[in-house]
Structure formats: C-alpha cells, structure tokens
C-alpha atoms as a PDB file:
ATOM      1  CA  MET A   1       0.000   0.000   0.000  1.00  0.00           C
ATOM      2  CA  PRO A   2       1.463   3.407  -1.005  1.00  0.00           C
ATOM      3  CA  ARG A   3       2.415   5.738   1.728  1.00  0.00           C
ATOM      4  CA  GLN A   4       0.210   8.816   2.012  1.00  0.00           C
ATOM      5  CA  THR A   5       1.800  12.173   2.625  1.00  0.00           C
ATOM      6  CA  LYS A   6       0.315  15.108   4.383  1.00  0.00           C
ATOM      7  CA  PRO A   7       0.163  18.452   2.613  1.00  0.00           C
ATOM      8  CA  LYS A   8       3.111  20.628   3.542  1.00  0.00           C
ATOM      9  CA  PRO A   9       2.275  23.476   5.921  1.00  0.00           C
ATOM     10  CA  LEU A  10       2.899  27.057   4.830  1.00  0.00           C
ATOM     11  CA  ALA A  11       6.362  28.330   5.712  1.00  0.00           C
ATOM     12  CA  SER A  12       5.101  30.604   8.440  1.00  0.00           C
ATOM     13  CA  LYS A  13       2.014  32.019   9.991  1.00  0.00           C
ATOM     14  CA  ALA A  14       2.869  35.406   8.423  1.00  0.00           C
ATOM     15  CA  ALA A  15       3.001  33.828   4.948  1.00  0.00           C
ATOM     16  CA  ALA A  16      -0.401  32.239   5.549  1.00  0.00           C
ATOM     17  CA  GLN A  17      -1.837  35.610   6.581  1.00  0.00           C
ATOM     18  CA  ARG A  18      -0.386  37.333   3.485  1.00  0.00           C
ATOM     19  CA  ALA A  19      -1.888  34.634   1.268  1.00  0.00           C
ATOM     20  CA  ASP A  20      -5.280  35.026   2.950  1.00  0.00           C
ATOM     21  CA  GLN A  21      -5.137  38.819   2.603  1.00  0.00           C
ATOM     22  CA  SER A  22      -4.171  38.520  -1.042  1.00  0.00           C
ATOM     23  CA  LEU A  23      -7.077  36.223  -1.760  1.00  0.00           C
ATOM     24  CA  SER A  24      -9.534  38.291   0.222  1.00  0.00           C
ATOM     25  CA  THR A  25      -8.457  41.446  -1.637  1.00  0.00           C
ATOM     26  CA  HIS A  26      -9.547  39.828  -4.897  1.00  0.00           C
ATOM     27  CA  ASP A  27     -12.890  38.864  -3.422  1.00  0.00           C
ATOM     28  CA  THR A  28     -13.878  42.406  -2.374  1.00  0.00           C
ATOM     29  CA  GLY A  29     -14.986  43.466  -5.828  1.00  0.00           C
ATOM     30  CA  PRO A  30     -13.577  45.395  -8.740  1.00  0.00           C
ATOM     31  CA  ARG A  31     -10.485  47.517  -8.277  1.00  0.00           C
ATOM     32  CA  VAL A  32      -9.643  50.757 -10.011  1.00  0.00           C
ATOM     33  CA  VAL A  33      -6.322  50.900 -11.822  1.00  0.00           C
ATOM     34  CA  ASP A  34      -5.044  54.440 -12.188  1.00  0.00           C
ATOM     35  CA  GLU A  35      -1.766  53.570 -13.901  1.00  0.00           C
ATOM     36  CA  VAL A  36      -1.198  50.326 -15.775  1.00  0.00           C
ATOM     37  CA  ASP A  37       2.018  48.622 -14.714  1.00  0.00           C
ATOM     38  CA  THR A  38       3.918  47.195 -17.688  1.00  0.00           C
ATOM     39  CA  ARG A  39       7.364  47.118 -16.048  1.00  0.00           C
ATOM     40  CA  TYR A  40       7.668  43.358 -16.512  1.00  0.00           C
ATOM     41  CA  LEU A  41       6.603  43.487 -20.164  1.00  0.00           C
ATOM     42  CA  GLN A  42       9.137  46.239 -20.790  1.00  0.00           C
ATOM     43  CA  THR A  43      11.913  43.825 -19.787  1.00  0.00           C
ATOM     44  CA  LEU A  44      10.969  41.451 -22.625  1.00  0.00           C
ATOM     45  CA  MET A  45      12.745  41.747 -25.968  1.00  0.00           C
ATOM     46  CA  GLY A  46       9.768  40.444 -27.944  1.00  0.00           C
ATOM     47  CA  TYR A  47       7.356  42.879 -26.330  1.00  0.00           C
ATOM     48  CA  ASN A  48       9.592  45.871 -27.068  1.00  0.00           C
ATOM     49  CA  ALA A  49      10.419  44.748 -30.600  1.00  0.00           C
ATOM     50  CA  ARG A  50       6.732  44.178 -31.343  1.00  0.00           C
ATOM     51  CA  ARG A  51       5.696  47.564 -29.919  1.00  0.00           C
ATOM     52  CA  ALA A  52       8.371  49.333 -31.977  1.00  0.00           C
ATOM     53  CA  ALA A  53       7.389  47.400 -35.110  1.00  0.00           C
ATOM     54  CA  LEU A  54       3.701  48.159 -34.644  1.00  0.00           C
ATOM     55  CA  SER A  55       4.368  51.877 -34.319  1.00  0.00           C
ATOM     56  CA  ILE A  56       6.233  51.819 -37.637  1.00  0.00           C
ATOM     57  CA  ILE A  57       3.942  49.400 -39.494  1.00  0.00           C
ATOM     58  CA  GLU A  58       0.845  51.475 -38.742  1.00  0.00           C
ATOM     59  CA  VAL A  59       2.324  54.475 -40.570  1.00  0.00           C
ATOM     60  CA  PHE A  60       3.964  52.224 -43.189  1.00  0.00           C
ATOM     61  CA  LEU A  61       0.555  50.868 -44.209  1.00  0.00           C
ATOM     62  CA  GLU A  62      -0.814  54.393 -44.634  1.00  0.00           C
ATOM     63  CA  ARG A  63       2.128  55.763 -46.568  1.00  0.00           C
ATOM     64  CA  LEU A  64       2.607  52.784 -48.875  1.00  0.00           C
ATOM     65  CA  ALA A  65      -1.098  52.326 -49.644  1.00  0.00           C
ATOM     66  CA  PRO A  66      -0.839  54.636 -52.679  1.00  0.00           C
ATOM     67  CA  TYR A  67       1.727  52.212 -54.129  1.00  0.00           C
ATOM     68  CA  GLY A  68      -0.539  49.224 -53.503  1.00  0.00           C
ATOM     69  CA  LEU A  69       2.131  47.589 -51.336  1.00  0.00           C
ATOM     70  CA  LYS A  70       1.721  45.854 -47.997  1.00  0.00           C
ATOM     71  CA  PRO A  71       4.825  45.086 -45.908  1.00  0.00           C
ATOM     72  CA  VAL A  72       5.354  41.618 -47.429  1.00  0.00           C
ATOM     73  CA  ASP A  73       4.828  42.936 -50.988  1.00  0.00           C
ATOM     74  CA  PHE A  74       7.336  45.687 -50.278  1.00  0.00           C
ATOM     75  CA  SER A  75       9.903  43.202 -48.925  1.00  0.00           C
ATOM     76  CA  VAL A  76       9.506  40.884 -51.913  1.00  0.00           C
ATOM     77  CA  MET A  77       9.678  43.713 -54.453  1.00  0.00           C
ATOM     78  CA  SER A  78      12.685  45.297 -52.765  1.00  0.00           C
ATOM     79  CA  THR A  79      14.523  41.972 -52.700  1.00  0.00           C
ATOM     80  CA  ILE A  80      13.736  41.332 -56.375  1.00  0.00           C
ATOM     81  CA  CYS A  81      14.829  44.850 -57.370  1.00  0.00           C
ATOM     82  CA  HIS A  82      18.118  44.548 -55.511  1.00  0.00           C
ATOM     83  CA  ASN A  83      18.704  40.952 -56.679  1.00  0.00           C
ATOM     84  CA  PRO A  84      17.601  40.604 -60.313  1.00  0.00           C
ATOM     85  CA  GLY A  85      17.130  36.925 -61.141  1.00  0.00           C
ATOM     86  CA  VAL A  86      16.462  35.827 -57.550  1.00  0.00           C
ATOM     87  CA  THR A  87      14.430  32.607 -57.412  1.00  0.00           C
ATOM     88  CA  SER A  88      11.263  31.958 -55.439  1.00  0.00           C
ATOM     89  CA  ARG A  89      13.167  29.497 -53.271  1.00  0.00           C
ATOM     90  CA  GLN A  90      15.749  32.138 -52.436  1.00  0.00           C
ATOM     91  CA  LEU A  91      13.001  34.640 -51.595  1.00  0.00           C
ATOM     92  CA  CYS A  92      11.325  32.151 -49.246  1.00  0.00           C
ATOM     93  CA  ASN A  93      14.592  31.390 -47.469  1.00  0.00           C
ATOM     94  CA  THR A  94      15.676  35.020 -47.221  1.00  0.00           C
ATOM     95  CA  LEU A  95      12.349  36.506 -46.116  1.00  0.00           C
ATOM     96  CA  ASN A  96      11.148  33.489 -44.108  1.00  0.00           C
ATOM     97  CA  LEU A  97       8.073  33.014 -46.298  1.00  0.00           C
ATOM     98  CA  LEU A  98       6.153  29.815 -46.923  1.00  0.00           C
ATOM     99  CA  PRO A  99       6.195  28.784 -50.612  1.00  0.00           C
ATOM    100  CA  PRO A 100       2.386  28.562 -50.920  1.00  0.00           C
ATOM    101  CA  ASN A 101       2.092  32.142 -49.631  1.00  0.00           C
ATOM    102  CA  LEU A 102       4.695  33.398 -52.086  1.00  0.00           C
ATOM    103  CA  VAL A 103       3.033  31.823 -55.125  1.00  0.00           C
ATOM    104  CA  GLY A 104      -0.046  34.060 -54.954  1.00  0.00           C
ATOM    105  CA  LEU A 105       2.023  37.103 -54.143  1.00  0.00           C
ATOM    106  CA  ILE A 106       4.276  36.557 -57.170  1.00  0.00           C
ATOM    107  CA  GLN A 107       1.222  36.067 -59.395  1.00  0.00           C
ATOM    108  CA  SER A 108      -0.292  39.299 -58.080  1.00  0.00           C
ATOM    109  CA  LEU A 109       2.896  41.312 -58.643  1.00  0.00           C
ATOM    110  CA  GLU A 110       3.245  39.813 -62.115  1.00  0.00           C
ATOM    111  CA  SER A 111      -0.375  40.594 -63.042  1.00  0.00           C
ATOM    112  CA  ARG A 112       0.238  44.214 -61.976  1.00  0.00           C
ATOM    113  CA  GLY A 113       3.182  44.354 -64.382  1.00  0.00           C
ATOM    114  CA  LEU A 114       5.722  44.891 -61.582  1.00  0.00           C
ATOM    115  CA  ILE A 115       7.792  41.731 -62.091  1.00  0.00           C
ATOM    116  CA  GLU A 116       8.476  39.195 -64.789  1.00  0.00           C
ATOM    117  CA  ARG A 117       9.824  35.663 -64.815  1.00  0.00           C
ATOM    118  CA  LYS A 118      12.826  34.754 -66.948  1.00  0.00           C
ATOM    119  CA  PRO A 119      14.625  31.426 -67.347  1.00  0.00           C
ATOM    120  CA  HIS A 120      17.492  30.937 -64.920  1.00  0.00           C
ATOM    121  CA  PRO A 121      20.849  31.067 -66.773  1.00  0.00           C
ATOM    122  CA  HIS A 122      22.327  28.012 -65.001  1.00  0.00           C
ATOM    123  CA  ASP A 123      19.375  25.915 -63.832  1.00  0.00           C
ATOM    124  CA  GLY A 124      16.846  24.931 -66.466  1.00  0.00           C
ATOM    125  CA  ARG A 125      14.267  24.082 -63.785  1.00  0.00           C
ATOM    126  CA  ALA A 126      14.485  27.429 -62.004  1.00  0.00           C
ATOM    127  CA  VAL A 127      12.974  30.758 -62.952  1.00  0.00           C
ATOM    128  CA  GLY A 128      14.507  34.087 -62.054  1.00  0.00           C
ATOM    129  CA  LEU A 129      12.357  36.989 -60.962  1.00  0.00           C
ATOM    130  CA  HIS A 130      13.044  40.455 -62.319  1.00  0.00           C
ATOM    131  CA  ALA A 131      11.451  43.833 -61.695  1.00  0.00           C
ATOM    132  CA  THR A 132       9.971  45.413 -64.786  1.00  0.00           C
ATOM    133  CA  PRO A 133      10.713  49.084 -65.516  1.00  0.00           C
ATOM    134  CA  LYS A 134       7.294  49.843 -63.974  1.00  0.00           C
ATOM    135  CA  GLY A 135       8.229  47.820 -60.870  1.00  0.00           C
ATOM    136  CA  GLN A 136      11.607  49.501 -60.586  1.00  0.00           C
ATOM    137  CA  ALA A 137      10.074  52.973 -60.828  1.00  0.00           C
ATOM    138  CA  LEU A 138       7.477  52.082 -58.207  1.00  0.00           C
ATOM    139  CA  MET A 139      10.118  50.761 -55.830  1.00  0.00           C
ATOM    140  CA  VAL A 140      12.335  53.838 -56.165  1.00  0.00           C
ATOM    141  CA  GLN A 141       9.412  55.897 -54.853  1.00  0.00           C
ATOM    142  CA  ALA A 142       8.268  53.297 -52.290  1.00  0.00           C
ATOM    143  CA  GLU A 143      11.762  52.823 -50.848  1.00  0.00           C
ATOM    144  CA  GLN A 144      12.193  56.603 -50.581  1.00  0.00           C
ATOM    145  CA  THR A 145       8.882  56.783 -48.713  1.00  0.00           C
ATOM    146  CA  ALA A 146       9.943  53.930 -46.413  1.00  0.00           C
ATOM    147  CA  THR A 147      13.303  55.587 -45.702  1.00  0.00           C
ATOM    148  CA  GLU A 148      11.637  58.899 -44.824  1.00  0.00           C
ATOM    149  CA  LEU A 149       9.157  57.111 -42.572  1.00  0.00           C
ATOM    150  CA  GLU A 150      11.895  55.211 -40.730  1.00  0.00           C
ATOM    151  CA  LEU A 151      13.877  58.378 -40.177  1.00  0.00           C
ATOM    152  CA  GLU A 152      10.778  60.098 -38.756  1.00  0.00           C
ATOM    153  CA  LYS A 153       9.904  57.179 -36.456  1.00  0.00           C
ATOM    154  CA  THR A 154      13.487  56.909 -35.158  1.00  0.00           C
ATOM    155  CA  ALA A 155      14.058  60.659 -34.809  1.00  0.00           C
ATOM    156  CA  LYS A 156      14.725  60.269 -31.062  1.00  0.00           C
ATOM    157  CA  LEU A 157      17.809  58.173 -31.899  1.00  0.00           C
ATOM    158  CA  THR A 158      21.155  59.509 -33.004  1.00  0.00           C
ATOM    159  CA  PRO A 159      22.493  58.081 -36.282  1.00  0.00           C
ATOM    160  CA  ALA A 160      24.941  55.971 -34.235  1.00  0.00           C
ATOM    161  CA  GLN A 161      22.132  54.646 -32.003  1.00  0.00           C
ATOM    162  CA  ARG A 162      20.025  53.823 -35.046  1.00  0.00           C
ATOM    163  CA  LYS A 163      22.928  51.910 -36.598  1.00  0.00           C
ATOM    164  CA  THR A 164      23.535  50.048 -33.320  1.00  0.00           C
ATOM    165  CA  LEU A 165      19.842  49.180 -32.957  1.00  0.00           C
ATOM    166  CA  LEU A 166      19.725  47.755 -36.482  1.00  0.00           C
ATOM    167  CA  ALA A 167      22.858  45.694 -35.838  1.00  0.00           C
ATOM    168  CA  LEU A 168      21.498  44.355 -32.534  1.00  0.00           C
ATOM    169  CA  LEU A 169      18.124  43.430 -34.002  1.00  0.00           C
ATOM    170  CA  GLN A 170      19.817  41.644 -36.888  1.00  0.00           C
ATOM    171  CA  LYS A 171      21.891  39.612 -34.422  1.00  0.00           C
ATOM    172  CA  ILE A 172      18.629  38.142 -33.134  1.00  0.00           C
ATOM    173  CA  TYR A 173      17.297  36.883 -36.450  1.00  0.00           C
ATOM    174  CA  LEU A 174      20.336  36.469 -38.702  1.00  0.00           C
END
C-alpha cells in the first residue's frame, strides 16, 4: 500500500496571513487601476520589438497604400529589385516566407506588371524573378517613402544609435 503524505504546511504564519489577505483582496470586488504597470513586459525583448514594429507598421501601411504595397509585398519587391534573377526558393529562405504564400504574391505582382519571370541562366528548372521598368520605378518611390518614414519614427535616436539598434536586431534573427 502506497504511503500517504500530508500536505506541507505554509512556511510561516505570516506567509499564511499574506496569502489570505491577497485572496480576500480579490474577493472584495472590482479595483480601479489608475496607472497600468507594464514594467515586466518592458523587460521582454519580444514585447519591445513588437511595440516598436507596430508603431512603424501602422504608418507604413498608410504611406505605402498609394503604391498598392503591404509590408510583405514591399519586402519581396525590394529583394527582387536589388537581386535581379532571384528565385522563389531564395526569396522564401531570405524573407522566411512559406512557398504557398509566395506563389499568390508573385502572381499578383506579375499581373500588376511589376515583375516578370525569366529562365534561370544556369538551372533549367528554375525561374529568375526580375522587376519590370514599372516595378523599378514604383520601388524607387516606395523605398524613398519607407526611408523617410523610418527616419521620422526613429528621430529620437542619433544616427549611431540607429545603426547600433539595427545591428542588434539583426543579431537576433540572422
């Protein structure tokens, strides 16, 4: 027959009283919070990175709407413009995209006349992606808009701090 154990007593009478008071405080009804305490969240890298990204993406969506580009479209187009002949596989690996998600995006960009597919010079099975003149012109304007936006959103940083922040963030995901 297995030996039964008794529940362990609380460390002290004072600890038991604090636990009772804590529980009874919650039972007294709703509390009013004057200032929300996010000190713990502010110690988390993901929380801070997400908050910073959200503050930029909100404005990014507004400013790049006239170009018909969402963040992922912008990233794909920029990568294609700066790497003529890049393959879909390379785009997926570089931008951490799932192939099924990229297929529709490529078709959309192609139907808008922003990119074109050309045979790969060394691999007969692969297709290289190239920005059309229309796509290149669009991206010159879109990248200028993105650069201006980033400079505005990071105006509280010195150029050296901005460079350091970029390097540190890249150390996390590269």
